[in-house]
C-alpha atoms as a PDB file:
ATOM      1  CA  MET A   1       0.227  -0.043   0.206  1.00  0.00           C
ATOM      2  CA  LYS A   2       2.725   2.602  -1.221  1.00  0.00           C
ATOM      3  CA  LEU A   3       1.483   6.361  -0.620  1.00  0.00           C
ATOM      4  CA  THR A   4       0.790   8.206  -4.210  1.00  0.00           C
ATOM      5  CA  ALA A   5      -0.810  11.234  -5.264  1.00  0.00           C
ATOM      6  CA  GLN A   6      -4.335  10.335  -4.733  1.00  0.00           C
ATOM      7  CA  ALA A   7      -4.472   9.845  -1.105  1.00  0.00           C
ATOM      8  CA  THR A   8      -6.869  11.377   0.724  1.00  0.00           C
ATOM      9  CA  GLY A   9      -8.343  11.365   4.199  1.00  0.00           C
ATOM     10  CA  THR A  10      -6.901  11.903   7.973  1.00  0.00           C
ATOM     11  CA  PHE A  11      -3.224  11.119   8.562  1.00  0.00           C
ATOM     12  CA  ALA A  12      -3.097  10.688  12.874  1.00  0.00           C
ATOM     13  CA  ILE A  13       0.363  12.679  13.456  1.00  0.00           C
ATOM     14  CA  ALA A  14       1.148  10.039  16.633  1.00  0.00           C
ATOM     15  CA  PRO A  15       3.061  11.301  19.526  1.00  0.00           C
ATOM     16  CA  THR A  16       5.634   8.524  20.840  1.00  0.00           C
ATOM     17  CA  PRO A  17       4.453   7.500  23.793  1.00  0.00           C
ATOM     18  CA  PHE A  18       7.156   6.942  26.863  1.00  0.00           C
ATOM     19  CA  HIS A  19       7.086   5.678  30.474  1.00  0.00           C
ATOM     20  CA  ASP A  20       7.522   8.413  33.111  1.00  0.00           C
ATOM     21  CA  ASP A  21      11.437   7.631  33.287  1.00  0.00           C
ATOM     22  CA  GLY A  22      11.662   7.569  29.690  1.00  0.00           C
ATOM     23  CA  ARG A  23      11.373   4.207  28.359  1.00  0.00           C
ATOM     24  CA  ILE A  24       9.799   4.155  25.460  1.00  0.00           C
ATOM     25  CA  ASP A  25       6.239   2.435  25.858  1.00  0.00           C
ATOM     26  CA  PHE A  26       5.868   0.127  23.155  1.00  0.00           C
ATOM     27  CA  ALA A  27       2.321  -1.218  24.889  1.00  0.00           C
ATOM     28  CA  SER A  28       0.891   2.280  24.719  1.00  0.00           C
ATOM     29  CA  ILE A  29       1.709   2.441  20.787  1.00  0.00           C
ATOM     30  CA  ASP A  30      -0.685  -0.846  20.274  1.00  0.00           C
ATOM     31  CA  ARG A  31      -3.039   0.707  21.628  1.00  0.00           C
ATOM     32  CA  LEU A  32      -2.522   3.997  19.859  1.00  0.00           C
ATOM     33  CA  THR A  33      -2.364   2.594  17.012  1.00  0.00           C
ATOM     34  CA  ASP A  34      -5.521   0.462  17.484  1.00  0.00           C
ATOM     35  CA  PHE A  35      -7.328   3.796  18.868  1.00  0.00           C
ATOM     36  CA  TYR A  36      -6.585   5.572  15.223  1.00  0.00           C
ATOM     37  CA  ALA A  37      -7.931   2.596  13.354  1.00  0.00           C
ATOM     38  CA  GLU A  38     -11.094   1.829  15.591  1.00  0.00           C
ATOM     39  CA  VAL A  39     -12.105   5.743  14.536  1.00  0.00           C
ATOM     40  CA  GLY A  40     -11.361   6.035  11.273  1.00  0.00           C
ATOM     41  CA  CYS A  41      -8.141   7.134  10.258  1.00  0.00           C
ATOM     42  CA  GLN A  42      -6.791   6.401   7.126  1.00  0.00           C
ATOM     43  CA  GLY A  43      -3.348   6.391   7.959  1.00  0.00           C
ATOM     44  CA  ILE A  44      -0.731   7.509  10.895  1.00  0.00           C
ATOM     45  CA  THR A  45       2.035   9.664  10.444  1.00  0.00           C
ATOM     46  CA  VAL A  46       4.797   8.518  13.038  1.00  0.00           C
ATOM     47  CA  LEU A  47       8.679   9.803  14.324  1.00  0.00           C
ATOM     48  CA  GLY A  48       7.348  13.898  13.381  1.00  0.00           C
ATOM     49  CA  ILE A  49       7.915  16.804  15.295  1.00  0.00           C
ATOM     50  CA  LEU A  50       5.067  15.763  17.796  1.00  0.00           C
ATOM     51  CA  GLY A  51       6.973  12.319  17.669  1.00  0.00           C
ATOM     52  CA  GLU A  52       9.881  13.436  19.468  1.00  0.00           C
ATOM     53  CA  ALA A  53      12.125  12.017  16.834  1.00  0.00           C
ATOM     54  CA  PRO A  54      14.934  13.864  18.218  1.00  0.00           C
ATOM     55  CA  LYS A  55      15.199  12.639  21.457  1.00  0.00           C
ATOM     56  CA  LEU A  56      15.456   9.080  19.751  1.00  0.00           C
ATOM     57  CA  ASP A  57      18.302   7.253  19.069  1.00  0.00           C
ATOM     58  CA  ALA A  58      18.778   5.328  15.439  1.00  0.00           C
ATOM     59  CA  ALA A  59      18.162   2.210  17.039  1.00  0.00           C
ATOM     60  CA  GLU A  60      15.046   3.615  18.716  1.00  0.00           C
ATOM     61  CA  ALA A  61      13.534   5.311  15.954  1.00  0.00           C
ATOM     62  CA  GLU A  62      13.381   2.622  13.810  1.00  0.00           C
ATOM     63  CA  GLN A  63      12.471   0.615  16.681  1.00  0.00           C
ATOM     64  CA  VAL A  64       9.305   3.147  17.285  1.00  0.00           C
ATOM     65  CA  ALA A  65       8.633   3.087  13.369  1.00  0.00           C
ATOM     66  CA  VAL A  66       8.044  -0.699  12.871  1.00  0.00           C
ATOM     67  CA  ARG A  67       5.975  -1.549  15.982  1.00  0.00           C
ATOM     68  CA  PHE A  68       3.510   1.404  14.284  1.00  0.00           C
ATOM     69  CA  ILE A  69       3.629  -0.419  11.345  1.00  0.00           C
ATOM     70  CA  LYS A  70       3.385  -3.660  11.818  1.00  0.00           C
ATOM     71  CA  ARG A  71       0.342  -3.166  14.011  1.00  0.00           C
ATOM     72  CA  ALA A  72      -1.399  -0.308  11.808  1.00  0.00           C
ATOM     73  CA  LYS A  73      -2.556  -3.758   9.201  1.00  0.00           C
ATOM     74  CA  ASN A  74      -4.610  -1.949   6.591  1.00  0.00           C
ATOM     75  CA  MET A  75      -4.005   1.470   7.624  1.00  0.00           C
ATOM     76  CA  GLN A  76      -0.569   3.846   5.905  1.00  0.00           C
ATOM     77  CA  VAL A  77       1.852   4.991   7.799  1.00  0.00           C
ATOM     78  CA  ILE A  78       4.271   7.644   7.119  1.00  0.00           C
ATOM     79  CA  VAL A  79       7.215   7.802   8.985  1.00  0.00           C
ATOM     80  CA  GLY A  80       9.147  10.886   9.140  1.00  0.00           C
ATOM     81  CA  VAL A  81      13.101  10.738   8.190  1.00  0.00           C
ATOM     82  CA  SER A  82      14.009  14.184   8.907  1.00  0.00           C
ATOM     83  CA  ALA A  83      17.633  13.823  10.150  1.00  0.00           C
ATOM     84  CA  PRO A  84      21.035  16.502   9.730  1.00  0.00           C
ATOM     85  CA  GLY A  85      22.638  13.782   7.026  1.00  0.00           C
ATOM     86  CA  PHE A  86      21.023  11.867   4.589  1.00  0.00           C
ATOM     87  CA  ALA A  87      22.841   8.535   5.494  1.00  0.00           C
ATOM     88  CA  SER A  88      20.948   8.810   8.780  1.00  0.00           C
ATOM     89  CA  MET A  89      17.941   9.595   6.507  1.00  0.00           C
ATOM     90  CA  ARG A  90      18.215   6.784   3.913  1.00  0.00           C
ATOM     91  CA  SER A  91      18.811   4.119   7.197  1.00  0.00           C
ATOM     92  CA  LEU A  92      15.286   4.777   8.770  1.00  0.00           C
ATOM     93  CA  ALA A  93      13.635   5.252   5.262  1.00  0.00           C
ATOM     94  CA  LYS A  94      14.867   2.015   4.291  1.00  0.00           C
ATOM     95  CA  ALA A  95      14.408  -0.158   7.238  1.00  0.00           C
ATOM     96  CA  SER A  96      10.718   1.796   6.945  1.00  0.00           C
ATOM     97  CA  ILE A  97       9.734   0.743   3.631  1.00  0.00           C
ATOM     98  CA  ASP A  98      11.466  -2.611   4.676  1.00  0.00           C
ATOM     99  CA  ALA A  99       8.812  -2.870   7.188  1.00  0.00           C
ATOM    100  CA  GLY A 100       5.904  -1.803   5.136  1.00  0.00           C
ATOM    101  CA  ALA A 101       5.938   1.669   5.627  1.00  0.00           C
ATOM    102  CA  ALA A 102       3.665   3.377   2.836  1.00  0.00           C
ATOM    103  CA  GLY A 103       6.032   5.922   2.737  1.00  0.00           C
ATOM    104  CA  VAL A 104       8.195   8.470   4.336  1.00  0.00           C
ATOM    105  CA  MET A 105       7.881  12.225   5.285  1.00  0.00           C
ATOM    106  CA  ILE A 106      10.983  14.864   4.548  1.00  0.00           C
ATOM    107  CA  ALA A 107      11.307  18.494   6.282  1.00  0.00           C
ATOM    108  CA  PRO A 108      13.868  20.878   5.401  1.00  0.00           C
ATOM    109  CA  ALA A 109      17.155  21.603   7.194  1.00  0.00           C
ATOM    110  CA  PRO A 110      16.475  24.270   9.370  1.00  0.00           C
ATOM    111  CA  ASN A 111      19.557  26.767   7.582  1.00  0.00           C
ATOM    112  CA  LEU A 112      18.447  26.755   4.141  1.00  0.00           C
ATOM    113  CA  ARG A 113      17.339  30.218   3.122  1.00  0.00           C
ATOM    114  CA  THR A 114      17.085  30.934  -0.448  1.00  0.00           C
ATOM    115  CA  ASP A 115      15.117  29.251  -3.212  1.00  0.00           C
ATOM    116  CA  ASP A 116      17.659  27.752  -5.061  1.00  0.00           C
ATOM    117  CA  GLN A 117      19.219  25.732  -1.459  1.00  0.00           C
ATOM    118  CA  ILE A 118      16.237  24.687  -0.920  1.00  0.00           C
ATOM    119  CA  VAL A 119      15.233  23.363  -4.440  1.00  0.00           C
ATOM    120  CA  GLY A 120      18.936  21.755  -3.659  1.00  0.00           C
ATOM    121  CA  TYR A 121      18.429  20.566  -0.952  1.00  0.00           C
ATOM    122  CA  PHE A 122      15.178  18.170  -1.732  1.00  0.00           C
ATOM    123  CA  LYS A 123      16.731  17.206  -4.537  1.00  0.00           C
ATOM    124  CA  GLN A 124      19.455  15.160  -2.799  1.00  0.00           C
ATOM    125  CA  ALA A 125      17.236  14.169  -0.138  1.00  0.00           C
ATOM    126  CA  GLN A 126      15.360  12.344  -3.083  1.00  0.00           C
ATOM    127  CA  GLU A 127      18.714  10.911  -4.118  1.00  0.00           C
ATOM    128  CA  ALA A 128      19.632   9.477  -0.898  1.00  0.00           C
ATOM    129  CA  ILE A 129      16.225   7.587  -0.416  1.00  0.00           C
ATOM    130  CA  GLY A 130      15.378   6.680  -4.281  1.00  0.00           C
ATOM    131  CA  ASP A 131      12.132   5.908  -5.194  1.00  0.00           C
ATOM    132  CA  ILE A 132      10.536   5.624  -1.670  1.00  0.00           C
ATOM    133  CA  PRO A 133       7.235   7.984  -2.042  1.00  0.00           C
ATOM    134  CA  TRP A 134       7.648  10.479   0.188  1.00  0.00           C
ATOM    135  CA  VAL A 135       5.840  13.642   1.645  1.00  0.00           C
ATOM    136  CA  LEU A 136       7.345  17.076   1.460  1.00  0.00           C
ATOM    137  CA  GLN A 137       6.609  19.291   4.798  1.00  0.00           C
ATOM    138  CA  ASP A 138       5.939  22.619   5.021  1.00  0.00           C
ATOM    139  CA  TYR A 139       5.923  24.022   8.195  1.00  0.00           C
ATOM    140  CA  PRO A 140       7.584  27.574   8.469  1.00  0.00           C
ATOM    141  CA  LEU A 141       6.695  28.746  11.732  1.00  0.00           C
ATOM    142  CA  THR A 142       8.862  25.779  13.458  1.00  0.00           C
ATOM    143  CA  LEU A 143      11.172  25.335  11.043  1.00  0.00           C
ATOM    144  CA  SER A 144      11.658  28.694  10.110  1.00  0.00           C
ATOM    145  CA  VAL A 145      12.041  27.842   6.085  1.00  0.00           C
ATOM    146  CA  VAL A 146       9.717  29.469   3.587  1.00  0.00           C
ATOM    147  CA  PHE A 147       8.175  27.809   0.420  1.00  0.00           C
ATOM    148  CA  THR A 148       6.959  29.787  -1.984  1.00  0.00           C
ATOM    149  CA  PRO A 149       4.248  27.799  -4.240  1.00  0.00           C
ATOM    150  CA  ALA A 150       6.770  28.474  -6.918  1.00  0.00           C
ATOM    151  CA  VAL A 151       8.928  26.169  -4.798  1.00  0.00           C
ATOM    152  CA  ILE A 152       6.902  24.092  -4.092  1.00  0.00           C
ATOM    153  CA  ARG A 153       5.416  23.178  -7.322  1.00  0.00           C
ATOM    154  CA  LYS A 154       9.408  23.113  -8.583  1.00  0.00           C
ATOM    155  CA  ILE A 155      10.290  20.578  -5.870  1.00  0.00           C
ATOM    156  CA  VAL A 156       7.573  17.997  -6.854  1.00  0.00           C
ATOM    157  CA  MET A 157       8.214  18.521 -10.379  1.00  0.00           C
ATOM    158  CA  ASP A 158      12.102  17.595 -10.515  1.00  0.00           C
ATOM    159  CA  SER A 159      11.197  14.683  -8.006  1.00  0.00           C
ATOM    160  CA  PRO A 160       8.176  12.072  -9.978  1.00  0.00           C
ATOM    161  CA  SER A 161       8.448  10.180  -6.083  1.00  0.00           C
ATOM    162  CA  CYS A 162       7.055  13.890  -3.793  1.00  0.00           C
ATOM    163  CA  VAL A 163       3.609  12.289  -3.781  1.00  0.00           C
ATOM    164  CA  MET A 164       2.081  14.364  -0.726  1.00  0.00           C
ATOM    165  CA  LEU A 165       2.548  17.872   0.390  1.00  0.00           C
ATOM    166  CA  LYS A 166       2.274  18.913   4.385  1.00  0.00           C
ATOM    167  CA  HIS A 167       1.060  22.060   4.392  1.00  0.00           C
ATOM    168  CA  GLU A 168       1.066  23.478   7.988  1.00  0.00           C
ATOM    169  CA  ASP A 169       1.822  27.114   6.770  1.00  0.00           C
ATOM    170  CA  TRP A 170      -0.156  30.138   8.592  1.00  0.00           C
ATOM    171  CA  PRO A 171      -1.405  32.048   6.493  1.00  0.00           C
ATOM    172  CA  GLY A 172      -1.416  29.534   4.194  1.00  0.00           C
ATOM    173  CA  LEU A 173      -4.688  29.298   2.513  1.00  0.00           C
ATOM    174  CA  GLU A 174      -3.771  31.758  -0.417  1.00  0.00           C
ATOM    175  CA  LYS A 175      -0.733  28.672  -0.908  1.00  0.00           C
ATOM    176  CA  ILE A 176      -3.511  25.972  -1.213  1.00  0.00           C
ATOM    177  CA  SER A 177      -5.228  27.929  -3.909  1.00  0.00           C
ATOM    178  CA  ALA A 178      -2.010  29.166  -5.850  1.00  0.00           C
ATOM    179  CA  LEU A 179      -1.260  25.531  -6.272  1.00  0.00           C
ATOM    180  CA  ARG A 180      -4.487  23.567  -6.428  1.00  0.00           C
ATOM    181  CA  GLY A 181      -4.627  26.809  -9.476  1.00  0.00           C
ATOM    182  CA  PHE A 182      -1.118  25.567 -11.179  1.00  0.00           C
ATOM    183  CA  GLN A 183      -2.886  22.464 -11.514  1.00  0.00           C
ATOM    184  CA  LYS A 184      -5.383  23.528 -13.302  1.00  0.00           C
ATOM    185  CA  ASP A 185      -3.433  25.503 -15.972  1.00  0.00           C
ATOM    186  CA  GLY A 186      -1.154  22.079 -16.327  1.00  0.00           C
ATOM    187  CA  SER A 187       2.021  23.618 -14.237  1.00  0.00           C
ATOM    188  CA  LEU A 188       1.665  20.873 -11.679  1.00  0.00           C
ATOM    189  CA  ARG A 189       1.011  17.326 -11.750  1.00  0.00           C
ATOM    190  CA  SER A 190      -1.472  15.431  -9.175  1.00  0.00           C
ATOM    191  CA  LEU A 191      -0.616  16.120  -5.709  1.00  0.00           C
ATOM    192  CA  SER A 192      -2.088  14.918  -2.310  1.00  0.00           C
ATOM    193  CA  ILE A 193      -2.494  17.851   0.115  1.00  0.00           C
ATOM    194  CA  VAL A 194      -3.154  17.451   3.446  1.00  0.00           C
ATOM    195  CA  THR A 195      -2.998  19.859   6.686  1.00  0.00           C
ATOM    196  CA  GLY A 196      -1.646  20.058   9.480  1.00  0.00           C
ATOM    197  CA  ASN A 197      -1.020  22.576  12.202  1.00  0.00           C
ATOM    198  CA  GLY A 198      -3.273  20.816  14.804  1.00  0.00           C
ATOM    199  CA  GLY A 199      -6.329  21.508  12.697  1.00  0.00           C
ATOM    200  CA  LEU A 200      -6.743  25.060  13.153  1.00  0.00           C
ATOM    201  CA  PHE A 201      -7.636  26.483  10.079  1.00  0.00           C
ATOM    202  CA  LEU A 202      -8.922  22.919   9.102  1.00  0.00           C
ATOM    203  CA  ASP A 203     -12.531  24.315   8.271  1.00  0.00           C
ATOM    204  CA  PHE A 204     -11.485  26.523   5.246  1.00  0.00           C
ATOM    205  CA  GLU A 205      -8.346  24.402   4.001  1.00  0.00           C
ATOM    206  CA  MET A 206     -10.486  21.634   2.989  1.00  0.00           C
ATOM    207  CA  GLU A 207     -12.385  24.438   1.262  1.00  0.00           C
ATOM    208  CA  ARG A 208      -9.464  25.648  -0.251  1.00  0.00           C
ATOM    209  CA  GLY A 209      -8.915  22.491  -1.933  1.00  0.00           C
ATOM    210  CA  ALA A 210      -7.020  20.192   0.972  1.00  0.00           C
ATOM    211  CA  ASP A 211      -7.407  16.287   0.381  1.00  0.00           C
ATOM    212  CA  GLY A 212      -7.750  15.773   4.234  1.00  0.00           C
ATOM    213  CA  ALA A 213      -5.862  16.686   7.348  1.00  0.00           C
ATOM    214  CA  MET A 214      -2.570  15.030   8.842  1.00  0.00           C
ATOM    215  CA  THR A 215      -1.935  16.580  12.778  1.00  0.00           C
ATOM    216  CA  GLY A 216      -2.163  14.987  16.005  1.00  0.00           C
ATOM    217  CA  TYR A 217      -5.390  16.795  18.042  1.00  0.00           C
ATOM    218  CA  ALA A 218      -6.667  14.901  20.705  1.00  0.00           C
ATOM    219  CA  PHE A 219      -9.766  14.424  19.103  1.00  0.00           C
ATOM    220  CA  PRO A 220      -8.758  12.712  15.147  1.00  0.00           C
ATOM    221  CA  GLU A 221     -12.847  11.803  15.411  1.00  0.00           C
ATOM    222  CA  LEU A 222     -12.982  15.889  15.046  1.00  0.00           C
ATOM    223  CA  LEU A 223     -10.321  16.202  11.888  1.00  0.00           C
ATOM    224  CA  ILE A 224     -12.456  12.745  10.118  1.00  0.00           C
ATOM    225  CA  ASP A 225     -15.767  14.200  10.776  1.00  0.00           C
ATOM    226  CA  VAL A 226     -14.756  17.049   9.302  1.00  0.00           C
ATOM    227  CA  VAL A 227     -12.512  16.453   5.961  1.00  0.00           C
ATOM    228  CA  ARG A 228     -15.906  14.316   5.539  1.00  0.00           C
ATOM    229  CA  LEU A 229     -18.804  17.314   5.761  1.00  0.00           C
ATOM    230  CA  SER A 230     -16.818  19.204   3.848  1.00  0.00           C
ATOM    231  CA  LYS A 231     -15.921  16.550   1.094  1.00  0.00           C
ATOM    232  CA  GLU A 232     -19.937  16.182   1.086  1.00  0.00           C
ATOM    233  CA  GLY A 233     -20.331  19.811   0.668  1.00  0.00           C
ATOM    234  CA  LYS A 234     -22.316  19.672   3.942  1.00  0.00           C
ATOM    235  CA  ARG A 235     -20.405  23.382   5.136  1.00  0.00           C
ATOM    236  CA  ASP A 236     -22.286  24.464   7.940  1.00  0.00           C
ATOM    237  CA  ALA A 237     -22.383  21.080  10.014  1.00  0.00           C
ATOM    238  CA  ALA A 238     -18.619  20.831   9.503  1.00  0.00           C
ATOM    239  CA  HIS A 239     -18.091  24.931  10.508  1.00  0.00           C
ATOM    240  CA  ASP A 240     -20.237  23.966  13.574  1.00  0.00           C
ATOM    241  CA  LEU A 241     -18.598  20.696  14.914  1.00  0.00           C
ATOM    242  CA  PHE A 242     -15.151  22.429  14.201  1.00  0.00           C
ATOM    243  CA  ASP A 243     -16.369  25.938  16.378  1.00  0.00           C
ATOM    244  CA  ALA A 244     -16.834  23.267  18.999  1.00  0.00           C
ATOM    245  CA  HIS A 245     -13.530  21.985  19.682  1.00  0.00           C
ATOM    246  CA  LEU A 246     -11.500  25.254  18.193  1.00  0.00           C
ATOM    247  CA  PRO A 247     -10.973  26.277  22.068  1.00  0.00           C
ATOM    248  CA  LEU A 248      -9.293  23.052  22.417  1.00  0.00           C
ATOM    249  CA  ILE A 249      -7.632  22.980  19.083  1.00  0.00           C
ATOM    250  CA  ARG A 250      -6.299  26.771  20.362  1.00  0.00           C
ATOM    251  CA  TYR A 251      -5.248  25.681  23.608  1.00  0.00           C
ATOM    252  CA  GLU A 252      -3.215  22.427  22.361  1.00  0.00           C
ATOM    253  CA  GLN A 253      -1.308  24.801  20.068  1.00  0.00           C
ATOM    254  CA  GLN A 254       0.675  26.868  22.282  1.00  0.00           C
ATOM    255  CA  PRO A 255       4.385  26.443  21.694  1.00  0.00           C
ATOM    256  CA  GLY A 256       6.157  24.598  23.889  1.00  0.00           C
ATOM    257  CA  SER A 257       3.169  22.946  26.208  1.00  0.00           C
ATOM    258  CA  GLY A 258       0.812  22.174  23.256  1.00  0.00           C
ATOM    259  CA  LEU A 259       2.116  18.796  23.218  1.00  0.00           C
ATOM    260  CA  ALA A 260       1.730  17.778  26.935  1.00  0.00           C
ATOM    261  CA  VAL A 261      -1.683  18.966  26.836  1.00  0.00           C
ATOM    262  CA  ARG A 262      -2.195  16.763  23.788  1.00  0.00           C
ATOM    263  CA  LYS A 263      -0.833  13.565  26.025  1.00  0.00           C
ATOM    264  CA  TYR A 264      -2.655  14.190  29.006  1.00  0.00           C
ATOM    265  CA  VAL A 265      -5.901  14.134  26.597  1.00  0.00           C
ATOM    266  CA  LEU A 266      -4.814  10.886  25.544  1.00  0.00           C
ATOM    267  CA  GLN A 267      -3.755   9.337  28.502  1.00  0.00           C
ATOM    268  CA  LYS A 268      -7.565  10.533  30.103  1.00  0.00           C
ATOM    269  CA  ARG A 269      -9.125   8.845  27.212  1.00  0.00           C
ATOM    270  CA  GLY A 270      -7.211   5.859  27.901  1.00  0.00           C
ATOM    271  CA  VAL A 271      -5.165   5.709  24.960  1.00  0.00           C
ATOM    272  CA  ILE A 272      -2.072   5.859  26.211  1.00  0.00           C
ATOM    273  CA  ALA A 273      -0.727   5.116  29.879  1.00  0.00           C
ATOM    274  CA  SER A 274       1.882   8.664  30.716  1.00  0.00           C
ATOM    275  CA  SER A 275       1.449  11.939  29.919  1.00  0.00           C
ATOM    276  CA  ALA A 276       5.386  12.034  29.877  1.00  0.00           C
ATOM    277  CA  GLN A 277       7.638  13.568  27.379  1.00  0.00           C
ATOM    278  CA  ARG A 278      11.125  12.142  27.024  1.00  0.00           C
ATOM    279  CA  LYS A 279      13.463  15.242  28.414  1.00  0.00           C
ATOM    280  CA  PRO A 280      14.332  18.131  27.856  1.00  0.00           C
ATOM    281  CA  GLY A 281      10.388  18.283  27.350  1.00  0.00           C
ATOM    282  CA  ALA A 282       7.558  20.228  28.868  1.00  0.00           C
ATOM    283  CA  THR A 283       5.144  18.922  31.600  1.00  0.00           C
ATOM    284  CA  ILE A 284       1.543  19.958  32.319  1.00  0.00           C
ATOM    285  CA  THR A 285       0.410  21.720  35.675  1.00  0.00           C
ATOM    286  CA  ALA A 286      -2.654  21.370  37.993  1.00  0.00           C
ATOM    287  CA  THR A 287      -3.716  24.320  36.700  1.00  0.00           C
ATOM    288  CA  ALA A 288      -3.282  23.513  33.322  1.00  0.00           C
ATOM    289  CA  LYS A 289      -5.174  20.405  33.436  1.00  0.00           C
ATOM    290  CA  ALA A 290      -7.735  22.035  35.368  1.00  0.00           C
ATOM    291  CA  GLU A 291      -8.342  24.339  32.565  1.00  0.00           C
ATOM    292  CA  VAL A 292      -8.108  21.522  29.797  1.00  0.00           C
ATOM    293  CA  ASP A 293     -10.737  19.825  31.934  1.00  0.00           C
ATOM    294  CA  TYR A 294     -13.021  22.642  31.886  1.00  0.00           C
ATOM    295  CA  LEU A 295     -12.503  23.380  28.365  1.00  0.00           C
ATOM    296  CA  LEU A 296     -13.894  19.437  27.262  1.00  0.00           C
ATOM    297  CA  SER A 297     -16.325  19.653  29.440  1.00  0.00           C
ATOM    298  CA  ARG A 298     -17.834  22.539  26.847  1.00  0.00           C
ATOM    299  CA  VAL A 299     -17.079  20.545  24.140  1.00  0.00           C
ATOM    300  CA  ALA A 300     -18.582  17.531  25.759  1.00  0.00           C
ATOM    301  CA  ARG A 301     -21.711  19.801  25.380  1.00  0.00           C
ATOM    302  CA  VAL A 302     -22.268  19.680  22.049  1.00  0.00           C
ATOM    303  CA  ASP A 303     -19.593  16.692  21.103  1.00  0.00           C
ATOM    304  CA  ARG A 304     -20.318  13.655  23.211  1.00  0.00           C
ATOM    305  CA  ARG A 305     -16.979  12.187  22.835  1.00  0.00           C
ATOM    306  CA  ALA A 306     -15.571  14.823  24.738  1.00  0.00           C
ATOM    307  CA  SER A 307     -17.236  13.698  27.900  1.00  0.00           C
ATOM    308  CA  LEU A 308     -14.481  12.477  29.893  1.00  0.00           C
ATOM    309  CA  GLN A 309     -13.815  12.193  33.812  1.00  0.00           C
ATOM    310  CA  PRO A 310     -10.988  14.378  35.513  1.00  0.00           C
ATOM    311  CA  GLN A 311      -9.172  11.678  36.779  1.00  0.00           C
ATOM    312  CA  GLU A 312      -9.661   8.642  33.889  1.00  0.00           C
ATOM    313  CA  THR A 313      -6.368   7.236  32.827  1.00  0.00           C
ATOM    314  CA  ALA A 314      -5.196   4.144  31.212  1.00  0.00           C
ATOM    315  CA  ALA A 315      -4.277   1.184  32.788  1.00  0.00           C
ATOM    316  CA  GLU A 316      -0.687  -0.143  32.720  1.00  0.00           C
END
């Protein structure tokens, strides 16, 4: 089930579960994977920024990727293989594909500044991984590398194996429109566009032509429903549901603490055993937990899936 440019739907960005002492929690990886399958995700993306990939050594990264891939069964798994050097990128990409991954995701090196540098980097990255299907990650808010629509077009047209764009620019709605415009005038080939940023702009991103979501909001059901309702042309229903979740989505987007919030909610949902991050990482305070619990109670007025008990945790 290799990734193609026709991919649509919701790809959950999976956090990497850890025990309180920092060890990888493989049992929670299994539960998390099963959870994404049960709610209806089309795929999972692992070892992304949310997955704390830089805190894993090479052997651990491969172990985490393979565990998700083997458990995912019919879901497509995309593995983040971004690395300072192409040798590490090539090694993890090959191991992931050999294990059954659908594709890999590559982010730009943070020192890239000019258009030529960006295009050259991805040309070399594609050469390093060969013909493996790959996702171009465009996330300037965190990675500090700005892609123009024309640069994205150049990268995609230069690399037949680039089949998907993970769009996370902010503001970025006009970029989606520009890329779809390129396709209409014939200057850009078919390309799947999925969006991130915690789902913060998913309602209008779908209307601009996105194919789906690729982000890690703690209620992937919301992402799935908004994508589906938008594709069905049920605009008001999509926006009404999205609006109910927006305060919690916004709270999750706080730089530095968003992952702690997301892991806390997934723990409350019984999906992972601990909300711990591997050090260095933020912890969630009692006050923040109370605020999240309050937001959950407000979401639950519209969406009963958010009705969680404040002290509910997963079994060890």
